[in-house]
Amino acid sequence: MSVKYKSFIYVIFLIISVILMLVNINLKIHNQNSNLMEKIELEKARIEIKFLRNQTSNLERELENYKSVKDLTITAYSPTKNQTDSDPFITACMERVRAGGVAVSQDLFYKGWTCGKRVFIRGKGIFRINDVMNRRKKNQIDVFYFNTKQALRNGIKKAKVALLVG
């Protein structure tokens, strides 16, 4: 092999190595940006949840007098394909999933418990309806958690739930 040919092969090898390094750096930057955006969204949701929890004390006392109160089954879900449809990060209300969101069973949905309305769950706080459950579920609310372990810890409970007005 001639020296020119070896030099040419070496230069090509260097160019490919540089390209692969740049692609790897670009992927790392993209992943860091995605993680940062997720952290920002999560922090915004935490702030909103904290605000909503502060409003729950009066609702706990007034719950018995509220007109639209139901005893419902409370479960939890997380964004996994076996618990959602094909896109676990988009809800039936065509929104991105978020902490502080709940899915309602279709029987409740057709009784006015619709997307964008808020519900108060005794012992948990105020949540925003942003998803609808499979039609086989009845009289049920599914609280959203990003973390599957947290969702599993929630278990299945019964609780008084009020549909909030306004």
Protein backbone atom coordinates (compact mmCIF):
# COMPACT_ATOMS: atom_id res chain seq x y z
CA MET A 1 0.00 0.00 0.00
CA SER A 2 1.29 3.41 -0.90
CA VAL A 3 1.81 6.19 1.61
CA LYS A 4 -0.81 8.36 -0.17
CA TYR A 5 -3.40 5.62 0.09
CA LYS A 6 -2.65 5.06 3.79
CA SER A 7 -2.88 8.80 4.42
CA PHE A 8 -6.19 8.96 2.56
CA ILE A 9 -7.62 6.06 4.63
CA TYR A 10 -6.38 7.72 7.83
CA VAL A 11 -8.04 11.06 6.90
CA ILE A 12 -11.33 9.30 6.09
CA PHE A 13 -11.16 7.47 9.41
CA LEU A 14 -10.57 10.78 11.24
CA ILE A 15 -13.49 12.44 9.44
CA ILE A 16 -15.83 9.58 10.34
CA SER A 17 -14.63 9.68 13.96
CA VAL A 18 -15.28 13.44 14.17
CA ILE A 19 -18.75 13.03 12.64
CA LEU A 20 -19.63 10.28 15.13
CA MET A 21 -18.37 12.43 18.01
CA LEU A 22 -20.50 15.38 16.83
CA VAL A 23 -23.57 13.18 16.49
CA ASN A 24 -22.97 11.80 20.00
CA ILE A 25 -22.56 15.33 21.42
CA ASN A 26 -25.74 16.45 19.63
CA LEU A 27 -27.68 13.52 21.10
CA LYS A 28 -26.40 14.30 24.61
CA ILE A 29 -27.42 17.97 24.24
CA HIS A 30 -30.85 16.94 22.96
CA ASN A 31 -31.34 14.55 25.89
CA GLN A 32 -30.26 17.24 28.37
CA ASN A 33 -32.72 19.73 26.83
CA SER A 34 -35.53 17.15 26.98
CA ASN A 35 -34.73 16.36 30.61
CA LEU A 36 -34.62 20.07 31.45
CA MET A 37 -38.03 20.65 29.84
CA GLU A 38 -39.49 17.68 31.75
CA LYS A 39 -38.07 19.06 35.01
CA ILE A 40 -39.55 22.51 34.29
CA GLU A 41 -42.99 21.01 33.54
CA LEU A 42 -42.79 18.86 36.66
CA GLU A 43 -41.86 21.86 38.82
CA LYS A 44 -44.74 23.90 37.37
CA ALA A 45 -47.11 21.05 38.17
CA ARG A 46 -45.72 20.75 41.71
CA ILE A 47 -46.29 24.46 42.30
CA GLU A 48 -49.87 24.19 41.04
CA ILE A 49 -50.52 21.13 43.20
CA LYS A 50 -49.15 22.92 46.26
CA PHE A 51 -51.44 25.88 45.53
CA LEU A 52 -54.45 23.59 45.08
CA ARG A 53 -53.71 21.66 48.26
CA ASN A 54 -53.77 24.93 50.20
CA GLN A 55 -57.34 25.48 48.99
CA THR A 56 -58.60 22.09 50.16
CA SER A 57 -59.09 22.69 53.87
CA ASN A 58 -62.37 24.62 53.44
CA LEU A 59 -63.60 22.10 50.90
CA GLU A 60 -63.06 19.25 53.38
CA ARG A 61 -65.42 20.99 55.84
CA GLU A 62 -68.02 21.92 53.22
CA LEU A 63 -68.02 18.62 51.30
CA GLU A 64 -71.10 17.21 53.05
CA ASN A 65 -73.19 20.23 51.99
CA TYR A 66 -72.05 20.20 48.37
CA LYS A 67 -74.67 19.13 45.79
CA SER A 68 -72.56 17.18 43.28
CA VAL A 69 -70.82 14.74 45.61
CA LYS A 70 -70.37 11.08 44.76
CA ASP A 71 -68.80 8.08 46.47
CA LEU A 72 -66.34 6.88 43.83
CA THR A 73 -63.58 4.35 43.40
CA ILE A 74 -60.20 6.09 43.24
CA THR A 75 -57.37 4.38 41.37
CA ALA A 76 -54.15 5.62 39.78
CA TYR A 77 -52.32 5.28 36.48
CA SER A 78 -49.01 6.22 34.89
CA PRO A 79 -47.94 6.87 31.28
CA THR A 80 -47.33 3.29 30.17
CA LYS A 81 -48.84 1.70 27.07
CA ASN A 82 -50.48 -1.10 29.05
CA GLN A 83 -52.43 1.51 31.07
CA THR A 84 -53.20 3.94 28.23
CA ASP A 85 -53.68 3.93 24.48
CA SER A 86 -50.89 4.02 21.89
CA ASP A 87 -49.63 7.47 22.98
CA PRO A 88 -49.32 7.43 26.77
CA PHE A 89 -48.36 11.11 26.98
CA ILE A 90 -51.47 12.53 25.25
CA THR A 91 -54.83 12.35 27.05
CA ALA A 92 -58.31 11.80 25.62
CA CYS A 93 -58.78 15.57 26.04
CA MET A 94 -55.86 16.04 23.60
CA GLU A 95 -53.52 17.44 26.25
CA ARG A 96 -50.11 16.34 27.50
CA VAL A 97 -50.33 14.32 30.70
CA ARG A 98 -49.46 16.22 33.85
CA ALA A 99 -49.36 15.86 37.58
CA GLY A 100 -52.62 17.01 39.11
CA GLY A 101 -54.65 15.47 36.30
CA VAL A 102 -57.29 12.76 36.55
CA ALA A 103 -59.19 10.53 34.18
CA VAL A 104 -62.90 10.01 34.80
CA SER A 105 -64.99 7.02 33.84
CA GLN A 106 -67.20 7.60 30.80
CA ASP A 107 -70.43 7.39 32.81
CA LEU A 108 -69.26 10.41 34.83
CA PHE A 109 -68.00 12.17 31.71
CA TYR A 110 -71.45 11.96 30.12
CA LYS A 111 -73.01 13.35 33.31
CA GLY A 112 -71.00 16.58 32.99
CA TRP A 113 -67.67 15.61 34.56
CA THR A 114 -65.87 16.85 31.44
CA CYS A 115 -62.39 17.95 30.37
CA GLY A 116 -61.10 21.05 32.10
CA LYS A 117 -63.38 20.84 35.14
CA ARG A 118 -61.93 20.40 38.60
CA VAL A 119 -62.80 17.79 41.18
CA PHE A 120 -62.11 17.61 44.88
CA ILE A 121 -61.17 14.15 46.17
CA ARG A 122 -61.48 13.86 49.96
CA GLY A 123 -58.08 13.09 51.45
CA LYS A 124 -56.19 13.91 48.22
CA GLY A 125 -57.07 17.44 47.11
CA ILE A 126 -58.14 19.25 43.96
CA PHE A 127 -57.46 17.79 40.52
CA ARG A 128 -58.23 18.76 36.93
CA ILE A 129 -60.10 16.38 34.63
CA ASN A 130 -57.94 15.91 31.54
CA ASP A 131 -58.53 12.29 30.52
CA VAL A 132 -61.32 9.74 30.08
CA MET A 133 -61.13 6.09 31.09
CA ASN A 134 -62.08 2.98 29.14
CA ARG A 135 -65.85 2.46 28.96
CA ARG A 136 -65.70 -0.73 31.07
CA LYS A 137 -64.90 1.43 34.14
CA LYS A 138 -67.87 2.88 36.06
CA ASN A 139 -68.05 5.46 38.88
CA GLN A 140 -64.29 5.74 38.99
CA ILE A 141 -61.54 8.35 38.93
CA ASP A 142 -57.96 7.54 37.95
CA VAL A 143 -55.32 9.89 39.42
CA PHE A 144 -52.29 10.44 37.15
CA TYR A 145 -48.73 9.85 38.38
CA PHE A 146 -45.58 10.04 36.25
CA ASN A 147 -44.02 7.34 38.41
CA THR A 148 -45.56 3.85 38.12
CA LYS A 149 -44.46 2.89 41.64
CA GLN A 150 -46.31 5.91 43.04
CA ALA A 151 -49.40 4.94 41.08
CA LEU A 152 -49.24 1.40 42.45
CA ARG A 153 -48.83 2.71 46.02
CA ASN A 154 -52.09 4.64 45.56
CA GLY A 155 -54.00 1.35 45.39
CA ILE A 156 -57.78 1.18 45.05
CA LYS A 157 -59.80 3.30 47.47
CA LYS A 158 -63.29 4.66 47.92
CA ALA A 159 -63.69 8.37 48.56
CA LYS A 160 -66.18 11.21 48.38
CA VAL A 161 -65.56 13.31 45.28
CA ALA A 162 -67.10 16.68 44.46
CA LEU A 163 -67.35 18.20 41.00
CA LEU A 164 -66.31 21.82 41.51
CA VAL A 165 -68.13 24.66 39.82
CA GLY A 166 -66.27 27.43 38.03
